[in-house]
Amino acid sequence: MTSQSKDLVLRMAIVIVALGGVFALSGAVEKGRISLPEGFEDSDLALEGKRLRGYALGAEGLLADWYWIMSLQYIGAKIVARENEDINIEDLTSLQPRLLFPYLDNATDLDPRFYAAYSYGAIVLPAIDASKAIELTEKGIRNNPDKWRLHQYLGYIYWREKNFEKAAETYEAGSRVPGAPPFMREMAALMRGQGGSRETARAMYMQMLAEAEDEQSKRNAQLRLFELDSMDELDAVNGLLGQVRDSNGRCPARLSDVFRSLSKIKLPRGRDFRVDAEGSLVDPTGVPYSFDQNSCSVALSKDSKIPKPLN
């Protein structure tokens, strides 16, 4: 073995031993850490691996994978700890996941082309911190200029923030990436023309449902579509109830009294109202609507799985 090869092997051994020592030390520190209230116990990373970039002798990719896996386990553990709660992926603030961005930031600093880390952050971070979601996704676009889907994610984040002009600009830029589908340009036009409309939201979530890469994202996109459908239904039912009350001077005693009139109302996209086996008007998930005769209105039941509106 040449002296140069021996020197390289020695350096690699030193790096491996040093990394092992750091992780062992950080583990010991974690075990001895004082117990803190929820939300404070994970305020900082024990080790910022991105500081090792350029000094890891080609092991940056391996370290990036470690931070990526830790980010998945981190959110997974938070959700499992709340197993008795219905977790909405579009609002994870109750989990107080302070370390998700640092994990993903470290992973993508070590491997700037780590597309999976960027896309995961772009999907999950908006439910935690929109500014961090924008920061990470813009970083991903800079380092992955050939990935049009990152523009789609960023456009969605801006849309959530009601910054329709920035959303339009983002979709427009994404539409110019080779291989981008036509809907990117269509979304840019929708953002400029009717960014805050219900139909724009529906187009957004239908696209997300069609392209969801995991079951949780697919489930939440479907729930948001159910939410939009229920909003159409509630508008129609409450409008009819208002007309009946104004015409008769009183509210119907039962919601079923207006079913015949409801059957004549055309819902968007040709949908019909649905009645269950017990004769109750139900929301898109099959849960009966709540009818309040005093206010002469219907609303989602507290038992409904449909999430609260984003806006």
C-alpha atoms as a PDB file:
ATOM      1  CA  MET A   1       0.000   0.000   0.000  1.00  0.00           C
ATOM      2  CA  THR A   2       1.389   3.423  -0.971  1.00  0.00           C
ATOM      3  CA  SER A   3       1.916   6.149   1.595  1.00  0.00           C
ATOM      4  CA  GLN A   4      -0.879   8.155  -0.062  1.00  0.00           C
ATOM      5  CA  SER A   5      -3.326   5.247   0.323  1.00  0.00           C
ATOM      6  CA  LYS A   6      -2.294   4.750   3.937  1.00  0.00           C
ATOM      7  CA  ASP A   7      -2.876   8.435   4.589  1.00  0.00           C
ATOM      8  CA  LEU A   8      -6.374   8.264   3.050  1.00  0.00           C
ATOM      9  CA  VAL A   9      -7.306   5.172   5.073  1.00  0.00           C
ATOM     10  CA  LEU A  10      -6.042   6.819   8.251  1.00  0.00           C
ATOM     11  CA  ARG A  11      -8.118   9.952   7.596  1.00  0.00           C
ATOM     12  CA  MET A  12     -11.245   7.921   6.927  1.00  0.00           C
ATOM     13  CA  ALA A  13     -10.700   5.929  10.113  1.00  0.00           C
ATOM     14  CA  ILE A  14     -10.329   9.139  12.108  1.00  0.00           C
ATOM     15  CA  VAL A  15     -13.567  10.554  10.620  1.00  0.00           C
ATOM     16  CA  ILE A  16     -15.489   7.328  11.324  1.00  0.00           C
ATOM     17  CA  VAL A  17     -14.237   7.133  14.904  1.00  0.00           C
ATOM     18  CA  ALA A  18     -14.974  10.827  15.438  1.00  0.00           C
ATOM     19  CA  LEU A  19     -18.511  10.495  14.089  1.00  0.00           C
ATOM     20  CA  GLY A  20     -19.093   7.430  16.248  1.00  0.00           C
ATOM     21  CA  GLY A  21     -17.891   9.331  19.274  1.00  0.00           C
ATOM     22  CA  VAL A  22     -20.103  12.310  18.512  1.00  0.00           C
ATOM     23  CA  PHE A  23     -23.221  10.173  18.084  1.00  0.00           C
ATOM     24  CA  ALA A  24     -22.408   8.187  21.219  1.00  0.00           C
ATOM     25  CA  LEU A  25     -21.871  11.378  23.167  1.00  0.00           C
ATOM     26  CA  SER A  26     -25.079  12.943  21.853  1.00  0.00           C
ATOM     27  CA  GLY A  27     -26.939   9.765  22.845  1.00  0.00           C
ATOM     28  CA  ALA A  28     -25.541   9.960  26.358  1.00  0.00           C
ATOM     29  CA  VAL A  29     -26.515  13.627  26.560  1.00  0.00           C
ATOM     30  CA  GLU A  30     -30.048  12.783  25.411  1.00  0.00           C
ATOM     31  CA  LYS A  31     -30.401  10.117  28.118  1.00  0.00           C
ATOM     32  CA  GLY A  32     -29.297  12.532  30.809  1.00  0.00           C
ATOM     33  CA  ARG A  33     -31.411  15.426  29.588  1.00  0.00           C
ATOM     34  CA  ILE A  34     -33.831  16.902  32.117  1.00  0.00           C
ATOM     35  CA  SER A  35     -37.491  16.141  31.347  1.00  0.00           C
ATOM     36  CA  LEU A  36     -39.251  19.203  29.948  1.00  0.00           C
ATOM     37  CA  PRO A  37     -42.875  19.974  29.050  1.00  0.00           C
ATOM     38  CA  GLU A  38     -44.081  18.913  25.610  1.00  0.00           C
ATOM     39  CA  GLY A  39     -42.825  21.186  22.855  1.00  0.00           C
ATOM     40  CA  PHE A  40     -39.601  22.185  24.643  1.00  0.00           C
ATOM     41  CA  GLU A  41     -37.821  18.860  24.869  1.00  0.00           C
ATOM     42  CA  ASP A  42     -36.715  18.939  21.199  1.00  0.00           C
ATOM     43  CA  SER A  43     -35.903  22.601  20.701  1.00  0.00           C
ATOM     44  CA  ASP A  44     -32.401  21.971  19.293  1.00  0.00           C
ATOM     45  CA  LEU A  45     -30.518  19.316  17.379  1.00  0.00           C
ATOM     46  CA  ALA A  46     -27.758  17.626  19.335  1.00  0.00           C
ATOM     47  CA  LEU A  47     -25.592  17.557  16.189  1.00  0.00           C
ATOM     48  CA  GLU A  48     -25.695  19.680  13.035  1.00  0.00           C
ATOM     49  CA  GLY A  49     -24.278  17.356  10.431  1.00  0.00           C
ATOM     50  CA  LYS A  50     -24.282  20.023   7.735  1.00  0.00           C
ATOM     51  CA  ARG A  51     -21.181  21.496   9.396  1.00  0.00           C
ATOM     52  CA  LEU A  52     -19.346  18.352   8.281  1.00  0.00           C
ATOM     53  CA  ARG A  53     -19.943  19.056   4.596  1.00  0.00           C
ATOM     54  CA  GLY A  54     -16.596  18.967   2.825  1.00  0.00           C
ATOM     55  CA  TYR A  55     -14.961  17.117   5.704  1.00  0.00           C
ATOM     56  CA  ALA A  56     -16.798  13.794   5.575  1.00  0.00           C
ATOM     57  CA  LEU A  57     -14.653  12.315   2.760  1.00  0.00           C
ATOM     58  CA  GLY A  58     -17.628  11.530   0.539  1.00  0.00           C
ATOM     59  CA  ALA A  59     -19.915  10.372   3.338  1.00  0.00           C
ATOM     60  CA  GLU A  60     -22.224  13.405   2.990  1.00  0.00           C
ATOM     61  CA  GLY A  61     -24.849  11.323   1.196  1.00  0.00           C
ATOM     62  CA  LEU A  62     -24.896   8.776   4.007  1.00  0.00           C
ATOM     63  CA  LEU A  63     -25.287  11.519   6.610  1.00  0.00           C
ATOM     64  CA  ALA A  64     -28.058  13.131   4.550  1.00  0.00           C
ATOM     65  CA  ASP A  65     -29.909   9.803   4.507  1.00  0.00           C
ATOM     66  CA  TRP A  66     -29.580   9.594   8.295  1.00  0.00           C
ATOM     67  CA  TYR A  67     -31.170  13.036   8.780  1.00  0.00           C
ATOM     68  CA  TRP A  68     -33.879  12.166   6.243  1.00  0.00           C
ATOM     69  CA  ILE A  69     -34.758   8.949   8.110  1.00  0.00           C
ATOM     70  CA  MET A  70     -34.729  10.843  11.401  1.00  0.00           C
ATOM     71  CA  SER A  71     -37.202  13.399   9.995  1.00  0.00           C
ATOM     72  CA  LEU A  72     -39.623  10.612   9.056  1.00  0.00           C
ATOM     73  CA  GLN A  73     -39.277   8.872  12.410  1.00  0.00           C
ATOM     74  CA  TYR A  74     -39.622  12.188  14.220  1.00  0.00           C
ATOM     75  CA  ILE A  75     -43.027  13.050  12.734  1.00  0.00           C
ATOM     76  CA  GLY A  76     -44.111   9.412  12.929  1.00  0.00           C
ATOM     77  CA  ALA A  77     -43.340   9.289  16.646  1.00  0.00           C
ATOM     78  CA  LYS A  78     -45.254  12.519  17.226  1.00  0.00           C
ATOM     79  CA  ILE A  79     -48.319  11.100  15.472  1.00  0.00           C
ATOM     80  CA  VAL A  80     -48.112   7.724  17.238  1.00  0.00           C
ATOM     81  CA  ALA A  81     -47.966   9.555  20.571  1.00  0.00           C
ATOM     82  CA  ARG A  82     -51.356  11.058  19.659  1.00  0.00           C
ATOM     83  CA  GLU A  83     -52.827   7.783  18.401  1.00  0.00           C
ATOM     84  CA  ASN A  84     -56.208   8.519  19.968  1.00  0.00           C
ATOM     85  CA  GLU A  85     -56.522  11.837  18.138  1.00  0.00           C
ATOM     86  CA  ASP A  86     -57.583  12.475  14.553  1.00  0.00           C
ATOM     87  CA  ILE A  87     -54.468  14.070  13.031  1.00  0.00           C
ATOM     88  CA  ASN A  88     -54.977  16.448  10.130  1.00  0.00           C
ATOM     89  CA  ILE A  89     -51.822  16.638   8.016  1.00  0.00           C
ATOM     90  CA  GLU A  90     -52.719  20.200   7.030  1.00  0.00           C
ATOM     91  CA  ASP A  91     -52.433  21.407  10.626  1.00  0.00           C
ATOM     92  CA  LEU A  92     -49.661  19.793  12.649  1.00  0.00           C
ATOM     93  CA  THR A  93     -48.989  22.719  14.961  1.00  0.00           C
ATOM     94  CA  SER A  94     -50.488  20.857  17.912  1.00  0.00           C
ATOM     95  CA  LEU A  95     -47.643  18.326  17.610  1.00  0.00           C
ATOM     96  CA  GLN A  96     -45.091  21.129  18.052  1.00  0.00           C
ATOM     97  CA  PRO A  97     -42.600  19.461  15.678  1.00  0.00           C
ATOM     98  CA  ARG A  98     -39.756  21.943  16.166  1.00  0.00           C
ATOM     99  CA  LEU A  99     -37.048  19.704  14.713  1.00  0.00           C
ATOM    100  CA  LEU A 100     -38.575  18.837  11.344  1.00  0.00           C
ATOM    101  CA  PHE A 101     -37.101  21.817   9.507  1.00  0.00           C
ATOM    102  CA  PRO A 102     -33.612  21.418  11.077  1.00  0.00           C
ATOM    103  CA  TYR A 103     -33.569  17.724  10.107  1.00  0.00           C
ATOM    104  CA  LEU A 104     -34.543  18.487   6.511  1.00  0.00           C
ATOM    105  CA  ASP A 105     -32.260  21.518   6.324  1.00  0.00           C
ATOM    106  CA  ASN A 106     -29.310  19.375   7.417  1.00  0.00           C
ATOM    107  CA  ALA A 107     -30.197  16.610   4.949  1.00  0.00           C
ATOM    108  CA  THR A 108     -30.443  19.009   2.015  1.00  0.00           C
ATOM    109  CA  ASP A 109     -27.293  20.922   2.954  1.00  0.00           C
ATOM    110  CA  LEU A 110     -25.374  17.651   2.951  1.00  0.00           C
ATOM    111  CA  ASP A 111     -27.043  16.537  -0.301  1.00  0.00           C
ATOM    112  CA  PRO A 112     -28.396  19.576  -2.211  1.00  0.00           C
ATOM    113  CA  ARG A 113     -30.046  17.311  -4.816  1.00  0.00           C
ATOM    114  CA  PHE A 114     -31.999  15.298  -2.204  1.00  0.00           C
ATOM    115  CA  TYR A 115     -35.378  15.637  -3.951  1.00  0.00           C
ATOM    116  CA  ALA A 116     -37.313  13.341  -1.586  1.00  0.00           C
ATOM    117  CA  ALA A 117     -36.381  15.507   1.405  1.00  0.00           C
ATOM    118  CA  TYR A 118     -37.493  18.674  -0.382  1.00  0.00           C
ATOM    119  CA  SER A 119     -40.821  17.197  -1.518  1.00  0.00           C
ATOM    120  CA  TYR A 120     -41.568  15.793   1.955  1.00  0.00           C
ATOM    121  CA  GLY A 121     -40.831  19.166   3.523  1.00  0.00           C
ATOM    122  CA  ALA A 122     -42.918  20.989   0.921  1.00  0.00           C
ATOM    123  CA  ILE A 123     -45.912  18.795   1.747  1.00  0.00           C
ATOM    124  CA  VAL A 124     -45.619  18.666   5.541  1.00  0.00           C
ATOM    125  CA  LEU A 125     -43.959  21.950   6.592  1.00  0.00           C
ATOM    126  CA  PRO A 126     -46.834  24.228   5.402  1.00  0.00           C
ATOM    127  CA  ALA A 127     -48.908  22.689   8.196  1.00  0.00           C
ATOM    128  CA  ILE A 128     -46.267  23.809  10.698  1.00  0.00           C
ATOM    129  CA  ASP A 129     -44.530  26.963   9.462  1.00  0.00           C
ATOM    130  CA  ALA A 130     -45.279  28.416   6.029  1.00  0.00           C
ATOM    131  CA  SER A 131     -42.143  30.579   5.981  1.00  0.00           C
ATOM    132  CA  LYS A 132     -39.913  27.553   6.601  1.00  0.00           C
ATOM    133  CA  ALA A 133     -41.818  25.579   3.972  1.00  0.00           C
ATOM    134  CA  ILE A 134     -41.168  28.352   1.439  1.00  0.00           C
ATOM    135  CA  GLU A 135     -37.498  28.581   2.449  1.00  0.00           C
ATOM    136  CA  LEU A 136     -36.902  24.838   2.018  1.00  0.00           C
ATOM    137  CA  THR A 137     -38.865  24.546  -1.242  1.00  0.00           C
ATOM    138  CA  GLU A 138     -37.120  27.541  -2.808  1.00  0.00           C
ATOM    139  CA  LYS A 139     -33.825  25.933  -1.815  1.00  0.00           C
ATOM    140  CA  GLY A 140     -34.986  22.756  -3.538  1.00  0.00           C
ATOM    141  CA  ILE A 141     -35.862  24.628  -6.726  1.00  0.00           C
ATOM    142  CA  ARG A 142     -32.440  26.299  -6.798  1.00  0.00           C
ATOM    143  CA  ASN A 143     -30.689  22.964  -6.428  1.00  0.00           C
ATOM    144  CA  ASN A 144     -33.095  20.965  -8.620  1.00  0.00           C
ATOM    145  CA  PRO A 145     -34.025  23.258 -11.523  1.00  0.00           C
ATOM    146  CA  ASP A 146     -35.260  20.263 -13.531  1.00  0.00           C
ATOM    147  CA  LYS A 147     -37.984  19.300 -11.015  1.00  0.00           C
ATOM    148  CA  TRP A 148     -41.223  21.050 -12.015  1.00  0.00           C
ATOM    149  CA  ARG A 149     -43.144  19.446  -9.155  1.00  0.00           C
ATOM    150  CA  LEU A 150     -41.282  21.574  -6.609  1.00  0.00           C
ATOM    151  CA  HIS A 151     -42.821  24.622  -8.302  1.00  0.00           C
ATOM    152  CA  GLN A 152     -46.221  22.957  -7.895  1.00  0.00           C
ATOM    153  CA  TYR A 153     -45.604  22.493  -4.173  1.00  0.00           C
ATOM    154  CA  LEU A 154     -44.395  26.081  -3.764  1.00  0.00           C
ATOM    155  CA  GLY A 155     -47.404  27.396  -5.686  1.00  0.00           C
ATOM    156  CA  TYR A 156     -49.676  25.479  -3.326  1.00  0.00           C
ATOM    157  CA  ILE A 157     -47.937  26.997  -0.287  1.00  0.00           C
ATOM    158  CA  TYR A 158     -48.383  30.525  -1.646  1.00  0.00           C
ATOM    159  CA  TRP A 159     -52.029  29.724  -2.428  1.00  0.00           C
ATOM    160  CA  ARG A 160     -52.568  28.603   1.175  1.00  0.00           C
ATOM    161  CA  GLU A 161     -51.137  31.948   2.259  1.00  0.00           C
ATOM    162  CA  LYS A 162     -53.552  33.743  -0.137  1.00  0.00           C
ATOM    163  CA  ASN A 163     -50.611  35.216  -2.033  1.00  0.00           C
ATOM    164  CA  PHE A 164     -52.221  34.489  -5.372  1.00  0.00           C
ATOM    165  CA  GLU A 165     -49.844  36.604  -7.468  1.00  0.00           C
ATOM    166  CA  LYS A 166     -46.781  34.779  -6.113  1.00  0.00           C
ATOM    167  CA  ALA A 167     -48.611  31.490  -6.620  1.00  0.00           C
ATOM    168  CA  ALA A 168     -49.308  32.436 -10.236  1.00  0.00           C
ATOM    169  CA  GLU A 169     -45.666  33.418 -10.807  1.00  0.00           C
ATOM    170  CA  THR A 170     -44.518  30.119  -9.309  1.00  0.00           C
ATOM    171  CA  TYR A 171     -46.823  27.993 -11.455  1.00  0.00           C
ATOM    172  CA  GLU A 172     -45.808  30.045 -14.498  1.00  0.00           C
ATOM    173  CA  ALA A 173     -42.117  29.400 -13.791  1.00  0.00           C
ATOM    174  CA  GLY A 174     -42.824  25.715 -13.237  1.00  0.00           C
ATOM    175  CA  SER A 175     -44.670  25.470 -16.543  1.00  0.00           C
ATOM    176  CA  ARG A 176     -41.430  26.407 -18.329  1.00  0.00           C
ATOM    177  CA  VAL A 177     -39.492  23.476 -16.854  1.00  0.00           C
ATOM    178  CA  PRO A 178     -39.020  20.765 -19.507  1.00  0.00           C
ATOM    179  CA  GLY A 179     -41.585  18.011 -19.040  1.00  0.00           C
ATOM    180  CA  ALA A 180     -44.019  20.121 -16.999  1.00  0.00           C
ATOM    181  CA  PRO A 181     -47.676  19.175 -17.662  1.00  0.00           C
ATOM    182  CA  PRO A 182     -50.193  21.676 -19.130  1.00  0.00           C
ATOM    183  CA  PHE A 183     -52.050  22.048 -15.825  1.00  0.00           C
ATOM    184  CA  MET A 184     -49.139  24.144 -14.470  1.00  0.00           C
ATOM    185  CA  ARG A 185     -49.965  26.927 -16.946  1.00  0.00           C
ATOM    186  CA  GLU A 186     -53.677  26.432 -16.294  1.00  0.00           C
ATOM    187  CA  MET A 187     -53.122  26.858 -12.544  1.00  0.00           C
ATOM    188  CA  ALA A 188     -51.172  30.055 -13.181  1.00  0.00           C
ATOM    189  CA  ALA A 189     -54.185  31.453 -15.038  1.00  0.00           C
ATOM    190  CA  LEU A 190     -56.584  30.314 -12.312  1.00  0.00           C
ATOM    191  CA  MET A 191     -54.477  31.986  -9.623  1.00  0.00           C
ATOM    192  CA  ARG A 192     -54.573  35.324 -11.438  1.00  0.00           C
ATOM    193  CA  GLY A 193     -58.247  35.109 -12.333  1.00  0.00           C
ATOM    194  CA  GLN A 194     -59.917  33.469  -9.337  1.00  0.00           C
ATOM    195  CA  GLY A 195     -57.237  32.441  -6.834  1.00  0.00           C
ATOM    196  CA  GLY A 196     -59.559  32.580  -3.843  1.00  0.00           C
ATOM    197  CA  SER A 197     -62.473  30.775  -5.435  1.00  0.00           C
ATOM    198  CA  ARG A 198     -63.885  27.443  -4.371  1.00  0.00           C
ATOM    199  CA  GLU A 199     -63.360  26.001  -7.846  1.00  0.00           C
ATOM    200  CA  THR A 200     -59.661  26.884  -7.766  1.00  0.00           C
ATOM    201  CA  ALA A 201     -59.356  25.063  -4.454  1.00  0.00           C
ATOM    202  CA  ARG A 202     -61.185  22.098  -5.952  1.00  0.00           C
ATOM    203  CA  ALA A 203     -58.820  21.997  -8.950  1.00  0.00           C
ATOM    204  CA  MET A 204     -55.864  22.178  -6.565  1.00  0.00           C
ATOM    205  CA  TYR A 205     -56.999  19.280  -4.368  1.00  0.00           C
ATOM    206  CA  MET A 206     -58.113  17.123  -7.291  1.00  0.00           C
ATOM    207  CA  GLN A 207     -54.624  17.414  -8.727  1.00  0.00           C
ATOM    208  CA  MET A 208     -53.077  16.620  -5.341  1.00  0.00           C
ATOM    209  CA  LEU A 209     -55.348  13.588  -4.954  1.00  0.00           C
ATOM    210  CA  ALA A 210     -54.403  12.291  -8.391  1.00  0.00           C
ATOM    211  CA  GLU A 211     -50.675  12.635  -7.726  1.00  0.00           C
ATOM    212  CA  ALA A 212     -50.433  11.885  -3.989  1.00  0.00           C
ATOM    213  CA  GLU A 213     -47.430   9.680  -3.225  1.00  0.00           C
ATOM    214  CA  ASP A 214     -48.630   8.428   0.168  1.00  0.00           C
ATOM    215  CA  GLU A 215     -51.935   7.430   1.729  1.00  0.00           C
ATOM    216  CA  GLN A 216     -52.002  10.234   4.313  1.00  0.00           C
ATOM    217  CA  SER A 217     -51.646  12.943   1.655  1.00  0.00           C
ATOM    218  CA  LYS A 218     -54.283  11.228  -0.471  1.00  0.00           C
ATOM    219  CA  ARG A 219     -56.669  10.982   2.491  1.00  0.00           C
ATOM    220  CA  ASN A 220     -56.312  14.644   3.385  1.00  0.00           C
ATOM    221  CA  ALA A 221     -56.746  15.796  -0.213  1.00  0.00           C
ATOM    222  CA  GLN A 222     -59.957  13.729  -0.361  1.00  0.00           C
ATOM    223  CA  LEU A 223     -61.186  15.232   2.908  1.00  0.00           C
ATOM    224  CA  ARG A 224     -60.607  18.730   1.546  1.00  0.00           C
ATOM    225  CA  LEU A 225     -62.636  17.826  -1.541  1.00  0.00           C
ATOM    226  CA  PHE A 226     -65.393  16.539   0.741  1.00  0.00           C
ATOM    227  CA  GLU A 227     -65.181  19.836   2.615  1.00  0.00           C
ATOM    228  CA  LEU A 228     -65.706  21.801  -0.611  1.00  0.00           C
ATOM    229  CA  ASP A 229     -68.645  19.572  -1.568  1.00  0.00           C
ATOM    230  CA  SER A 230     -70.201  20.074   1.875  1.00  0.00           C
ATOM    231  CA  MET A 231     -69.819  23.844   1.514  1.00  0.00           C
ATOM    232  CA  ASP A 232     -71.809  23.689  -1.739  1.00  0.00           C
ATOM    233  CA  GLU A 233     -74.462  21.567  -0.041  1.00  0.00           C
ATOM    234  CA  LEU A 234     -74.701  23.789   3.031  1.00  0.00           C
ATOM    235  CA  ASP A 235     -75.059  26.889   0.867  1.00  0.00           C
ATOM    236  CA  ALA A 236     -77.914  25.257  -1.052  1.00  0.00           C
ATOM    237  CA  VAL A 237     -79.758  23.852   1.983  1.00  0.00           C
ATOM    238  CA  ASN A 238     -79.442  27.001   4.087  1.00  0.00           C
ATOM    239  CA  GLY A 239     -80.501  29.122   1.152  1.00  0.00           C
ATOM    240  CA  LEU A 240     -83.618  26.999   0.717  1.00  0.00           C
ATOM    241  CA  LEU A 241     -84.407  27.040   4.437  1.00  0.00           C
ATOM    242  CA  GLY A 242     -84.151  30.827   4.424  1.00  0.00           C
ATOM    243  CA  GLN A 243     -86.615  31.041   1.540  1.00  0.00           C
ATOM    244  CA  VAL A 244     -89.096  28.692   3.265  1.00  0.00           C
ATOM    245  CA  ARG A 245     -88.887  30.637   6.525  1.00  0.00           C
ATOM    246  CA  ASP A 246     -89.417  33.955   4.756  1.00  0.00           C
ATOM    247  CA  SER A 247     -92.328  32.531   2.774  1.00  0.00           C
ATOM    248  CA  ASN A 248     -94.130  30.689   5.603  1.00  0.00           C
ATOM    249  CA  GLY A 249     -93.074  32.824   8.530  1.00  0.00           C
ATOM    250  CA  ARG A 250     -91.540  29.844  10.305  1.00  0.00           C
ATOM    251  CA  CYS A 251     -88.836  27.247   9.909  1.00  0.00           C
ATOM    252  CA  PRO A 252     -89.741  23.682   8.881  1.00  0.00           C
ATOM    253  CA  ALA A 253     -90.136  21.343  11.857  1.00  0.00           C
ATOM    254  CA  ARG A 254     -88.003  18.682  10.180  1.00  0.00           C
ATOM    255  CA  LEU A 255     -85.292  18.877   7.548  1.00  0.00           C
ATOM    256  CA  SER A 256     -87.053  16.108   5.617  1.00  0.00           C
ATOM    257  CA  ASP A 257     -89.889  18.588   4.934  1.00  0.00           C
ATOM    258  CA  VAL A 258     -87.708  20.267   2.300  1.00  0.00           C
ATOM    259  CA  PHE A 259     -86.265  17.142   0.673  1.00  0.00           C
ATOM    260  CA  ARG A 260     -88.570  17.403  -2.323  1.00  0.00           C
ATOM    261  CA  SER A 261     -87.435  20.966  -2.972  1.00  0.00           C
ATOM    262  CA  LEU A 262     -83.795  19.975  -2.445  1.00  0.00           C
ATOM    263  CA  SER A 263     -84.081  17.325  -5.148  1.00  0.00           C
ATOM    264  CA  LYS A 264     -84.685  20.119  -7.682  1.00  0.00           C
ATOM    265  CA  ILE A 265     -81.467  21.949  -6.794  1.00  0.00           C
ATOM    266  CA  LYS A 266     -78.489  21.338  -9.069  1.00  0.00           C
ATOM    267  CA  LEU A 267     -75.211  20.962  -7.219  1.00  0.00           C
ATOM    268  CA  PRO A 268     -71.851  21.653  -8.935  1.00  0.00           C
ATOM    269  CA  ARG A 269     -70.475  18.856 -11.127  1.00  0.00           C
ATOM    270  CA  GLY A 270     -73.870  17.128 -11.294  1.00  0.00           C
ATOM    271  CA  ARG A 271     -73.808  15.836  -7.727  1.00  0.00           C
ATOM    272  CA  ASP A 272     -76.968  14.980  -5.781  1.00  0.00           C
ATOM    273  CA  PHE A 273     -77.840  15.325  -2.106  1.00  0.00           C
ATOM    274  CA  ARG A 274     -77.614  12.054  -0.195  1.00  0.00           C
ATOM    275  CA  VAL A 275     -79.993  10.598   2.387  1.00  0.00           C
ATOM    276  CA  ASP A 276     -79.019   7.624   4.579  1.00  0.00           C
ATOM    277  CA  ALA A 277     -81.123   4.587   5.509  1.00  0.00           C
ATOM    278  CA  GLU A 278     -82.576   6.466   8.508  1.00  0.00           C
ATOM    279  CA  GLY A 279     -83.801   9.276   6.270  1.00  0.00           C
ATOM    280  CA  SER A 280     -81.182  11.820   7.373  1.00  0.00           C
ATOM    281  CA  LEU A 281     -79.471  14.238   5.019  1.00  0.00           C
ATOM    282  CA  VAL A 282     -75.777  13.331   5.184  1.00  0.00           C
ATOM    283  CA  ASP A 283     -72.534  15.088   4.377  1.00  0.00           C
ATOM    284  CA  PRO A 284     -70.082  13.690   1.761  1.00  0.00           C
ATOM    285  CA  THR A 285     -68.543  11.348   4.376  1.00  0.00           C
ATOM    286  CA  GLY A 286     -71.950   9.866   5.286  1.00  0.00           C
ATOM    287  CA  VAL A 287     -72.411  11.647   8.633  1.00  0.00           C
ATOM    288  CA  PRO A 288     -75.830  13.330   9.108  1.00  0.00           C
ATOM    289  CA  TYR A 289     -75.874  17.120   9.007  1.00  0.00           C
ATOM    290  CA  SER A 290     -76.887  18.925  12.190  1.00  0.00           C
ATOM    291  CA  PHE A 291     -80.213  20.788  11.897  1.00  0.00           C
ATOM    292  CA  ASP A 292     -80.971  23.688  14.251  1.00  0.00           C
ATOM    293  CA  GLN A 293     -84.613  24.792  13.983  1.00  0.00           C
ATOM    294  CA  ASN A 294     -84.019  27.893  16.120  1.00  0.00           C
ATOM    295  CA  SER A 295     -81.522  29.359  13.657  1.00  0.00           C
ATOM    296  CA  CYS A 296     -83.202  27.513  10.776  1.00  0.00           C
ATOM    297  CA  SER A 297     -79.886  26.261   9.469  1.00  0.00           C
ATOM    298  CA  VAL A 298     -77.822  23.137   8.973  1.00  0.00           C
ATOM    299  CA  ALA A 299     -74.128  22.642   9.714  1.00  0.00           C
ATOM    300  CA  LEU A 300     -71.539  19.903   9.836  1.00  0.00           C
ATOM    301  CA  SER A 301     -72.016  17.592  12.791  1.00  0.00           C
ATOM    302  CA  LYS A 302     -69.356  17.542  15.490  1.00  0.00           C
ATOM    303  CA  ASP A 303     -68.953  13.857  14.563  1.00  0.00           C
ATOM    304  CA  SER A 304     -68.064  14.662  10.961  1.00  0.00           C
ATOM    305  CA  LYS A 305     -64.591  13.757   9.744  1.00  0.00           C
ATOM    306  CA  ILE A 306     -64.527  16.730   7.423  1.00  0.00           C
ATOM    307  CA  PRO A 307     -61.828  19.180   8.592  1.00  0.00           C
ATOM    308  CA  LYS A 308     -62.412  22.781   9.461  1.00  0.00           C
ATOM    309  CA  PRO A 309     -61.921  25.202   6.558  1.00  0.00           C
ATOM    310  CA  LEU A 310     -58.391  26.517   6.006  1.00  0.00           C
ATOM    311  CA  ASN A 311     -59.640  30.063   5.546  1.00  0.00           C
END
